[in-house]
Amino acid sequence: MLTKDRMKFVFIGAGSSVFTMRLVGDVLGEESIRSGELVLVDLDADILRETAEAVGELVRYAKRDFSVTSFTDFREALPGADFVFMTIATGGYDRWKSDIEISTRHGVQQSVGDTIGPGGIIRALRTVPVIVDIAREMERVCPEAWLINYTNPEGAVCLALERYTKIRAFGLCHGTPDTAKWIAANVFRVDFERFSYRAAGINHFTWFLEMAVDGRDVYPIFRKKLEETGMDKVQPISTELFDIYGCYPAPGDRHVGEFVPFYMKDRVQREKDYTWKNNDFKAVDSWRDESRRLFDRVRLEKTGYDGFLAGSGETATHFIRALRTGEPAKEMVNVINRGYIDNVSDVTVELPTYIDRFGLHPEKIGPLPDAVAAQCDRLGREYSLMIDAAVNRDYEKARQATFLDPLCANCDYPEPLLLDLIRANLDVLPDEWKKIV
């Protein structure tokens, strides 16, 4: 149980400015956190300065007792940390776009490209070594700290932290809770407080096992409600996967579609005209522009503070509150499967987890439907290959992950695709890769 009054929060990847501001807003709004240090870390000194200005404005407006400091070197920021929020994107936004462009030239479409597919593989190769280095520094200077990961690919990052470090870590993602809120509001049209659910799987590919309204099982009428409300047309891929597997997936077509390669074929995309096609970044650019406007309102116009203090929907502070007060919380958390799901191996899974002053207590799920478990297990094992390749600079493991990946199956020649991605990322990959390719 954490009893110290003044805690140290380190945000690594603070250049993800609006996400950082929302997490900071959650910390400032949490009554169990009385005071502390907010430490921002990013390689980009210019965006780091701007983020520090905006965070300082938010602290001033909230009238809370928090200091704000910033560093471009994480080693200077970590000593004495209590919580480390990981939101890095090694190579940045432009590199993500490059991943999609290279994959597209090789015939592989990706609606997101940050979790699975060639985009997920190359992102793991360039991101996992950085996060493992940070965690090993945490072992040295703040060994009791918790690392809360938001960086994708979530499942690979969490597995790497478990396998290659001793740090206490877990991953969070708003995708499944947001889908549950969408189902409550748009399918059953009830307040979220009346809706309850149980879900499990892997990050960006979880499955609702139970749904209830006012304690009454509503899964038997779910398909009918989807049709009545037209929500089957809003998320057609998720609806079809529900028909196939008997469980409804989360967090929506944009993510779940690229776990099943058939939906990412060019001909299918053209014939079905799905909303989320090969990522052209128009939607993401729009989201980023809006986020930047919110950020600049605080930093430059000295207004719009409540947008960051009203609650982000992220659940990290629920975990912190439970540790500090003993008040139990229950959240969807990414942890290593230690028998929680019977028919999935020891890979990262996302499932309901109880939290109290003693830490995390993942819920025993039992078996998933066989076909769902097979999908999750295959993808989890791909993550295992990806992190071994990333940490050990092992090209053979990277190649095996590529040939196991479902989306890479849409490519005629997967290995040239992998090689092109590695060559395009040599400046942000460990130096050993230059000798390999």
Protein backbone atom coordinates (compact mmCIF):
# COMPACT_ATOMS: atom_id res chain seq x y z
CA MET A 1 0.00 0.00 0.00
CA LEU A 2 1.33 3.45 -0.91
CA THR A 3 1.15 5.87 2.00
CA LYS A 4 3.62 8.60 1.01
CA ASP A 5 2.05 11.99 0.44
CA ARG A 6 4.23 13.21 -2.39
CA MET A 7 4.56 10.76 -5.26
CA LYS A 8 6.63 10.97 -8.41
CA PHE A 9 4.95 10.35 -11.77
CA VAL A 10 7.16 10.02 -14.86
CA PHE A 11 5.65 10.31 -18.34
CA ILE A 12 7.97 8.82 -20.97
CA GLY A 13 6.83 9.81 -24.42
CA ALA A 14 5.40 13.12 -23.21
CA GLY A 15 5.52 14.36 -26.81
CA SER A 16 2.23 12.49 -27.16
CA SER A 17 1.07 15.77 -25.72
CA VAL A 18 -2.71 15.45 -25.53
CA PHE A 19 -2.52 11.90 -24.19
CA THR A 20 -0.05 13.14 -21.58
CA MET A 21 -2.34 16.05 -20.71
CA ARG A 22 -5.27 13.68 -20.21
CA LEU A 23 -3.27 11.38 -17.95
CA VAL A 24 -2.00 14.40 -16.00
CA GLY A 25 -5.58 15.64 -15.72
CA ASP A 26 -6.58 12.30 -14.23
CA VAL A 27 -3.77 12.53 -11.65
CA LEU A 28 -4.72 16.09 -10.72
CA GLY A 29 -8.36 15.11 -10.35
CA GLU A 30 -7.70 12.09 -8.15
CA GLU A 31 -8.48 13.00 -4.52
CA SER A 32 -6.32 10.21 -3.10
CA ILE A 33 -3.23 11.83 -4.65
CA ARG A 34 -2.50 14.89 -2.54
CA SER A 35 0.69 16.20 -4.11
CA GLY A 36 3.62 15.12 -6.19
CA GLU A 37 6.08 15.53 -9.00
CA LEU A 38 5.11 15.41 -12.67
CA VAL A 39 8.20 14.55 -14.70
CA LEU A 40 7.99 14.73 -18.50
CA VAL A 41 10.39 12.91 -20.84
CA ASP A 42 10.70 13.17 -24.60
CA LEU A 43 13.52 13.20 -27.15
CA ASP A 44 12.01 16.18 -28.99
CA ALA A 45 13.07 19.19 -26.94
CA ASP A 46 10.65 21.57 -28.66
CA ILE A 47 7.47 19.56 -28.09
CA LEU A 48 8.72 18.72 -24.59
CA ARG A 49 8.98 22.44 -23.78
CA GLU A 50 5.48 23.05 -25.10
CA THR A 51 4.07 20.10 -23.14
CA ALA A 52 5.74 21.31 -19.96
CA GLU A 53 4.17 24.75 -20.47
CA ALA A 54 0.70 23.25 -20.97
CA VAL A 55 1.02 20.86 -18.01
CA GLY A 56 2.19 23.76 -15.84
CA GLU A 57 -0.89 25.73 -16.87
CA LEU A 58 -3.13 22.78 -16.02
CA VAL A 59 -1.54 22.41 -12.57
CA ARG A 60 -1.90 26.15 -11.92
CA TYR A 61 -5.57 26.12 -12.91
CA ALA A 62 -6.31 23.01 -10.80
CA LYS A 63 -4.59 24.64 -7.78
CA ARG A 64 -2.82 21.39 -6.87
CA ASP A 65 0.55 20.98 -5.20
CA PHE A 66 2.57 19.44 -8.04
CA SER A 67 5.93 20.40 -9.47
CA VAL A 68 6.60 20.03 -13.21
CA THR A 69 10.02 19.19 -14.63
CA SER A 70 11.16 17.85 -18.00
CA PHE A 71 14.12 15.91 -19.40
CA THR A 72 15.20 14.61 -22.79
CA ASP A 73 17.11 11.74 -21.10
CA PHE A 74 14.97 9.24 -19.19
CA ARG A 75 17.91 8.40 -16.93
CA GLU A 76 17.68 11.83 -15.35
CA ALA A 77 13.95 11.47 -14.76
CA LEU A 78 13.62 8.01 -13.23
CA PRO A 79 15.36 8.07 -9.80
CA GLY A 80 12.76 7.78 -7.07
CA ALA A 81 9.80 7.31 -9.44
CA ASP A 82 6.63 5.70 -8.09
CA PHE A 83 4.75 5.36 -11.40
CA VAL A 84 6.10 5.44 -14.93
CA PHE A 85 3.61 5.97 -17.77
CA MET A 86 4.95 4.58 -21.06
CA THR A 87 3.53 6.28 -24.18
CA ILE A 88 6.51 6.29 -26.55
CA ALA A 89 6.35 5.82 -30.32
CA THR A 90 9.90 5.13 -31.46
CA GLY A 91 10.41 6.80 -34.82
CA GLY A 92 7.33 8.96 -34.42
CA TYR A 93 4.25 9.51 -36.53
CA ASP A 94 6.02 9.76 -39.90
CA ARG A 95 7.64 6.36 -39.37
CA TRP A 96 4.20 4.85 -38.78
CA LYS A 97 3.07 6.26 -42.12
CA SER A 98 6.17 4.84 -43.77
CA ASP A 99 5.36 1.39 -42.37
CA ILE A 100 1.96 1.50 -44.04
CA GLU A 101 3.35 2.78 -47.36
CA ILE A 102 5.98 0.03 -47.56
CA SER A 103 3.48 -2.67 -46.61
CA THR A 104 1.00 -1.39 -49.20
CA ARG A 105 3.64 -1.62 -51.94
CA HIS A 106 4.02 -5.28 -51.02
CA GLY A 107 0.26 -5.89 -51.16
CA VAL A 108 -0.51 -5.84 -47.43
CA GLN A 109 -3.30 -3.55 -46.26
CA GLN A 110 -3.62 -2.52 -42.61
CA SER A 111 -6.46 -0.51 -41.12
CA VAL A 112 -4.24 0.57 -38.20
CA GLY A 113 -0.82 -1.06 -38.46
CA ASP A 114 0.38 -0.67 -34.87
CA THR A 115 -0.57 -4.00 -33.27
CA ILE A 116 -0.44 -6.85 -35.77
CA GLY A 117 0.68 -7.25 -39.37
CA PRO A 118 4.02 -6.02 -40.75
CA GLY A 119 3.36 -2.66 -39.08
CA GLY A 120 3.12 -4.32 -35.68
CA ILE A 121 6.24 -6.41 -36.29
CA ILE A 122 8.52 -3.52 -37.29
CA ARG A 123 7.08 -1.36 -34.50
CA ALA A 124 8.01 -4.07 -31.99
CA LEU A 125 11.52 -4.38 -33.42
CA ARG A 126 12.20 -0.66 -32.95
CA THR A 127 10.21 -0.09 -29.73
CA VAL A 128 10.82 -3.10 -27.48
CA PRO A 129 14.61 -2.55 -27.12
CA VAL A 130 14.02 1.04 -25.96
CA ILE A 131 11.40 0.03 -23.39
CA VAL A 132 13.55 -2.83 -22.07
CA ASP A 133 16.45 -0.37 -21.62
CA ILE A 134 14.16 1.98 -19.68
CA ALA A 135 12.88 -0.87 -17.51
CA ARG A 136 16.42 -2.02 -16.73
CA GLU A 137 17.27 1.49 -15.60
CA MET A 138 14.17 1.37 -13.41
CA GLU A 139 15.51 -1.82 -11.84
CA ARG A 140 18.55 0.19 -10.81
CA VAL A 141 17.09 3.51 -9.63
CA CYS A 142 13.38 2.88 -8.79
CA PRO A 143 12.94 -0.90 -8.44
CA GLU A 144 9.63 -0.59 -6.54
CA ALA A 145 7.98 1.58 -9.19
CA TRP A 146 5.10 0.43 -11.36
CA LEU A 147 5.38 0.77 -15.13
CA ILE A 148 1.98 1.35 -16.75
CA ASN A 149 2.22 0.73 -20.46
CA TYR A 150 0.13 2.36 -23.19
CA THR A 151 2.64 1.84 -26.01
CA ASN A 152 1.72 -0.46 -28.91
CA PRO A 153 2.00 -3.26 -29.71
CA GLU A 154 0.66 -3.63 -26.17
CA GLY A 155 0.81 -7.42 -26.00
CA ALA A 156 4.40 -7.57 -27.23
CA VAL A 157 5.61 -4.78 -24.94
CA CYS A 158 4.05 -6.33 -21.83
CA LEU A 159 5.45 -9.76 -22.71
CA ALA A 160 8.94 -8.28 -23.18
CA LEU A 161 8.78 -6.53 -19.81
CA GLU A 162 7.78 -9.80 -18.14
CA ARG A 163 10.34 -11.95 -19.93
CA TYR A 164 13.37 -9.66 -19.93
CA THR A 165 13.02 -7.41 -16.85
CA LYS A 166 12.08 -7.58 -13.17
CA ILE A 167 9.95 -4.43 -13.15
CA ARG A 168 6.36 -4.51 -11.96
CA ALA A 169 4.40 -3.72 -15.10
CA PHE A 170 1.06 -4.09 -16.82
CA GLY A 171 -0.75 -2.62 -19.80
CA LEU A 172 -3.93 -0.58 -20.09
CA CYS A 173 -6.15 0.17 -23.07
CA HIS A 174 -9.51 1.92 -23.22
CA GLY A 175 -10.69 -0.14 -26.21
CA THR A 176 -12.83 -2.77 -24.50
CA PRO A 177 -14.44 -0.42 -21.93
CA ASP A 178 -15.19 2.05 -24.73
CA THR A 179 -16.85 -0.70 -26.77
CA ALA A 180 -18.91 -1.69 -23.72
CA LYS A 181 -20.05 1.94 -23.37
CA TRP A 182 -20.91 2.00 -27.09
CA ILE A 183 -22.97 -1.19 -26.76
CA ALA A 184 -24.84 0.17 -23.73
CA ALA A 185 -25.61 3.52 -25.36
CA ASN A 186 -26.25 2.49 -28.96
CA VAL A 187 -27.44 -1.14 -28.90
CA PHE A 188 -29.35 -1.46 -25.62
CA ARG A 189 -29.81 2.32 -25.16
CA VAL A 190 -29.34 2.31 -21.42
CA ASP A 191 -27.08 4.24 -19.06
CA PHE A 192 -23.71 2.53 -18.76
CA GLU A 193 -24.23 2.02 -15.01
CA ARG A 194 -26.96 -0.49 -15.88
CA PHE A 195 -24.76 -2.49 -18.23
CA SER A 196 -22.29 -5.12 -17.02
CA TYR A 197 -20.00 -7.39 -18.98
CA ARG A 198 -17.18 -9.92 -18.87
CA ALA A 199 -14.60 -9.96 -21.63
CA ALA A 200 -11.21 -11.54 -22.33
CA GLY A 201 -8.73 -12.12 -25.14
CA ILE A 202 -5.68 -10.20 -26.27
CA ASN A 203 -5.28 -6.46 -26.71
CA HIS A 204 -7.33 -5.03 -29.59
CA PHE A 205 -8.88 -8.49 -30.04
CA THR A 206 -10.95 -9.14 -26.91
CA TRP A 207 -14.30 -10.94 -26.78
CA PHE A 208 -17.42 -10.31 -24.74
CA LEU A 209 -18.25 -13.50 -22.87
CA GLU A 210 -21.18 -12.09 -20.90
CA MET A 211 -23.48 -9.06 -21.18
CA ALA A 212 -26.23 -8.01 -18.80
CA VAL A 213 -28.58 -5.08 -18.27
CA ASP A 214 -29.79 -4.65 -14.69
CA GLY A 215 -28.32 -8.08 -13.98
CA ARG A 216 -30.35 -9.81 -16.73
CA ASP A 217 -28.51 -11.74 -19.43
CA VAL A 218 -29.03 -9.87 -22.71
CA TYR A 219 -26.69 -11.86 -24.95
CA PRO A 220 -29.64 -13.94 -26.35
CA ILE A 221 -31.22 -10.75 -27.75
CA PHE A 222 -27.97 -8.98 -28.70
CA ARG A 223 -28.05 -9.93 -32.40
CA LYS A 224 -31.65 -8.74 -32.71
CA LYS A 225 -30.78 -5.46 -30.99
CA LEU A 226 -27.85 -4.91 -33.35
CA GLU A 227 -30.22 -5.18 -36.31
CA GLU A 228 -32.99 -3.07 -34.75
CA THR A 229 -30.61 -0.22 -33.99
CA GLY A 230 -28.62 -0.48 -37.22
CA MET A 231 -25.41 -1.00 -35.28
CA ASP A 232 -24.75 -4.19 -37.25
CA LYS A 233 -24.14 -1.89 -40.24
CA VAL A 234 -21.94 0.48 -38.22
CA GLN A 235 -19.57 -2.34 -37.21
CA PRO A 236 -20.16 -4.97 -39.92
CA ILE A 237 -16.89 -6.87 -39.40
CA SER A 238 -17.47 -7.17 -35.66
CA THR A 239 -21.04 -8.34 -36.33
CA GLU A 240 -19.88 -11.01 -38.79
CA LEU A 241 -17.22 -12.22 -36.34
CA PHE A 242 -19.97 -12.46 -33.71
CA ASP A 243 -22.00 -14.62 -36.11
CA ILE A 244 -18.98 -16.84 -36.79
CA TYR A 245 -17.54 -17.24 -33.29
CA GLY A 246 -20.56 -16.69 -31.05
CA CYS A 247 -18.88 -13.85 -29.15
CA TYR A 248 -18.79 -10.15 -30.00
CA PRO A 249 -15.27 -8.68 -30.36
CA ALA A 250 -13.79 -5.37 -29.24
CA PRO A 251 -12.67 -2.67 -29.87
CA GLY A 252 -14.46 -2.19 -33.19
CA ASP A 253 -13.83 -2.88 -36.86
CA ARG A 254 -10.80 -0.59 -37.18
CA HIS A 255 -8.77 -2.93 -34.97
CA VAL A 256 -10.38 -6.37 -35.08
CA GLY A 257 -10.58 -6.46 -38.88
CA GLU A 258 -6.83 -6.61 -39.33
CA PHE A 259 -6.51 -9.65 -37.07
CA VAL A 260 -8.49 -11.62 -39.69
CA PRO A 261 -6.70 -11.34 -43.06
CA PHE A 262 -9.75 -11.86 -45.25
CA TYR A 263 -11.12 -8.41 -44.35
CA MET A 264 -7.92 -6.67 -45.44
CA LYS A 265 -7.84 -8.01 -48.99
CA ASP A 266 -8.05 -5.32 -51.68
CA ARG A 267 -10.92 -6.97 -53.55
CA VAL A 268 -12.96 -7.47 -50.36
CA GLN A 269 -12.32 -3.88 -49.30
CA ARG A 270 -13.59 -2.59 -52.64
CA GLU A 271 -16.65 -4.86 -52.77
CA LYS A 272 -17.72 -4.40 -49.15
CA ASP A 273 -16.68 -0.74 -48.88
CA TYR A 274 -15.81 -1.08 -45.21
CA THR A 275 -15.30 2.18 -43.31
CA TRP A 276 -11.81 1.20 -42.16
CA LYS A 277 -9.78 0.39 -45.25
CA ASN A 278 -6.03 0.54 -45.73
CA ASN A 279 -4.86 3.28 -43.38
CA ASP A 280 -4.62 6.54 -45.35
CA PHE A 281 -4.23 8.53 -42.07
CA LYS A 282 -6.99 10.99 -42.94
CA ALA A 283 -8.93 10.06 -39.81
CA VAL A 284 -5.78 9.99 -37.66
CA ASP A 285 -4.65 13.38 -39.00
CA SER A 286 -8.07 14.79 -38.15
CA TRP A 287 -7.87 13.40 -34.61
CA ARG A 288 -4.37 14.82 -34.20
CA ASP A 289 -5.44 18.25 -35.47
CA GLU A 290 -8.32 18.37 -33.02
CA SER A 291 -6.05 17.23 -30.20
CA ARG A 292 -3.57 19.93 -31.09
CA ARG A 293 -6.32 22.56 -30.93
CA LEU A 294 -7.29 21.40 -27.43
CA PHE A 295 -3.65 21.44 -26.38
CA ASP A 296 -3.02 24.96 -27.72
CA ARG A 297 -6.15 26.30 -26.02
CA VAL A 298 -4.53 25.53 -22.68
CA ARG A 299 -0.98 26.46 -23.62
CA LEU A 300 -1.61 29.66 -25.60
CA GLU A 301 -5.14 30.85 -24.85
CA LYS A 302 -5.20 29.90 -21.16
CA THR A 303 -8.60 28.26 -21.49
CA GLY A 304 -10.13 24.82 -22.10
CA TYR A 305 -8.70 23.34 -18.90
CA ASP A 306 -11.85 21.41 -18.02
CA GLY A 307 -11.48 19.33 -21.16
CA PHE A 308 -8.44 17.70 -19.54
CA LEU A 309 -9.69 17.66 -15.95
CA ALA A 310 -13.11 16.09 -16.58
CA GLY A 311 -11.66 12.55 -16.82
CA SER A 312 -9.99 10.92 -19.80
CA GLY A 313 -11.62 7.50 -19.65
CA GLU A 314 -8.21 5.94 -18.99
CA THR A 315 -8.04 3.89 -15.80
CA ALA A 316 -4.49 4.28 -14.47
CA THR A 317 -5.60 6.44 -11.53
CA HIS A 318 -8.17 3.79 -10.53
CA PHE A 319 -5.23 1.44 -10.03
CA ILE A 320 -3.28 4.08 -8.08
CA ARG A 321 -6.30 4.84 -5.88
CA ALA A 322 -6.75 1.14 -5.08
CA LEU A 323 -3.09 0.82 -4.09
CA ARG A 324 -3.26 3.91 -1.87
CA THR A 325 -6.63 3.43 -0.21
CA GLY A 326 -7.35 -0.27 -0.45
CA GLU A 327 -10.63 0.58 -2.17
CA PRO A 328 -11.01 -2.26 -4.71
CA ALA A 329 -11.25 -1.53 -8.42
CA LYS A 330 -11.91 -3.78 -11.38
CA GLU A 331 -10.41 -2.94 -14.77
CA MET A 332 -9.43 -4.57 -18.05
CA VAL A 333 -5.69 -5.12 -17.74
CA ASN A 334 -2.98 -6.66 -19.94
CA VAL A 335 -0.97 -9.23 -17.97
CA ILE A 336 0.81 -12.52 -18.58
CA ASN A 337 -1.57 -15.47 -18.69
CA ARG A 338 -0.78 -17.54 -15.62
CA GLY A 339 -3.62 -20.01 -16.07
CA TYR A 340 -6.34 -17.34 -16.10
CA ILE A 341 -7.47 -18.48 -19.55
CA ASP A 342 -7.23 -22.26 -19.70
CA ASN A 343 -6.75 -22.75 -23.43
CA VAL A 344 -4.30 -19.91 -24.16
CA SER A 345 -0.57 -20.25 -23.46
CA ASP A 346 1.59 -18.02 -21.24
CA VAL A 347 1.38 -14.90 -23.42
CA THR A 348 -0.06 -11.47 -22.74
CA VAL A 349 -3.83 -11.52 -22.34
CA GLU A 350 -6.35 -8.79 -21.63
CA LEU A 351 -8.91 -9.66 -18.98
CA PRO A 352 -10.80 -8.32 -15.94
CA THR A 353 -8.47 -7.69 -13.04
CA TYR A 354 -9.24 -6.79 -9.43
CA ILE A 355 -6.91 -4.26 -7.84
CA ASP A 356 -6.42 -3.53 -4.14
CA ARG A 357 -3.62 -2.38 -1.83
CA PHE A 358 -1.73 -5.61 -2.58
CA GLY A 359 -1.67 -5.14 -6.35
CA LEU A 360 -3.26 -6.99 -9.28
CA HIS A 361 -5.51 -10.03 -9.04
CA PRO A 362 -6.56 -11.16 -12.55
CA GLU A 363 -9.87 -12.96 -12.78
CA LYS A 364 -10.00 -16.66 -13.58
CA ILE A 365 -11.77 -16.86 -16.94
CA GLY A 366 -11.60 -20.58 -17.69
CA PRO A 367 -11.64 -21.60 -21.36
CA LEU A 368 -12.50 -19.30 -24.23
CA PRO A 369 -14.45 -20.77 -27.16
CA ASP A 370 -12.00 -23.02 -28.98
CA ALA A 371 -11.79 -20.98 -32.19
CA VAL A 372 -11.34 -17.70 -30.28
CA ALA A 373 -8.65 -19.24 -28.08
CA ALA A 374 -6.81 -20.53 -31.15
CA GLN A 375 -6.78 -17.03 -32.69
CA CYS A 376 -5.53 -15.45 -29.47
CA ASP A 377 -2.88 -18.10 -28.86
CA ARG A 378 -1.46 -17.88 -32.37
CA LEU A 379 -1.17 -14.11 -32.13
CA GLY A 380 0.32 -14.28 -28.66
CA ARG A 381 2.97 -16.69 -29.91
CA GLU A 382 3.74 -14.31 -32.75
CA TYR A 383 4.37 -11.64 -30.11
CA SER A 384 6.75 -14.07 -28.38
CA LEU A 385 8.79 -14.36 -31.58
CA MET A 386 8.66 -10.60 -32.12
CA ILE A 387 10.07 -9.70 -28.71
CA ASP A 388 12.81 -12.32 -28.88
CA ALA A 389 13.77 -10.92 -32.27
CA ALA A 390 13.72 -7.36 -30.93
CA VAL A 391 15.74 -7.96 -27.76
CA ASN A 392 18.26 -10.42 -29.23
CA ARG A 393 18.52 -8.81 -32.71
CA ASP A 394 17.48 -12.17 -34.13
CA TYR A 395 16.54 -11.98 -37.80
CA GLU A 396 15.38 -15.62 -37.92
CA LYS A 397 12.83 -14.98 -35.16
CA ALA A 398 11.64 -11.85 -37.01
CA ARG A 399 11.24 -13.89 -40.18
CA GLN A 400 9.32 -16.59 -38.32
CA ALA A 401 6.99 -13.96 -36.86
CA THR A 402 6.42 -12.57 -40.35
CA PHE A 403 5.49 -15.96 -41.77
CA LEU A 404 3.19 -16.64 -38.80
CA ASP A 405 1.45 -13.26 -39.04
CA PRO A 406 -2.07 -13.44 -40.57
CA LEU A 407 -1.84 -10.20 -42.56
CA CYS A 408 1.53 -11.05 -44.05
CA ALA A 409 -0.27 -14.01 -45.63
CA ASN A 410 -1.83 -11.46 -47.99
CA CYS A 411 1.64 -10.74 -49.39
CA ASP A 412 3.11 -12.84 -52.20
CA TYR A 413 6.66 -12.61 -50.82
CA PRO A 414 6.76 -11.85 -47.06
CA GLU A 415 10.53 -11.86 -46.60
CA PRO A 416 11.29 -8.98 -49.03
CA LEU A 417 8.60 -6.99 -47.19
CA LEU A 418 10.32 -7.62 -43.86
CA LEU A 419 13.71 -6.68 -45.29
CA ASP A 420 12.37 -3.45 -46.77
CA LEU A 421 10.83 -2.48 -43.43
CA ILE A 422 14.06 -3.19 -41.57
CA ARG A 423 16.14 -1.22 -44.08
CA ALA A 424 13.78 1.76 -43.81
CA ASN A 425 14.16 1.72 -40.02
CA LEU A 426 17.88 1.18 -39.57
CA ASP A 427 18.30 4.67 -38.08
CA VAL A 428 15.92 3.81 -35.21
CA LEU A 429 16.84 0.14 -34.78
CA PRO A 430 19.77 -1.14 -32.69
CA ASP A 431 23.04 -1.00 -34.64
CA GLU A 432 23.28 -4.79 -34.91
CA TRP A 433 20.55 -4.79 -37.54
CA LYS A 434 22.85 -2.96 -39.98
CA LYS A 435 25.06 -6.05 -40.07
CA ILE A 436 22.12 -8.40 -40.49
CA VAL A 437 20.48 -6.87 -43.55
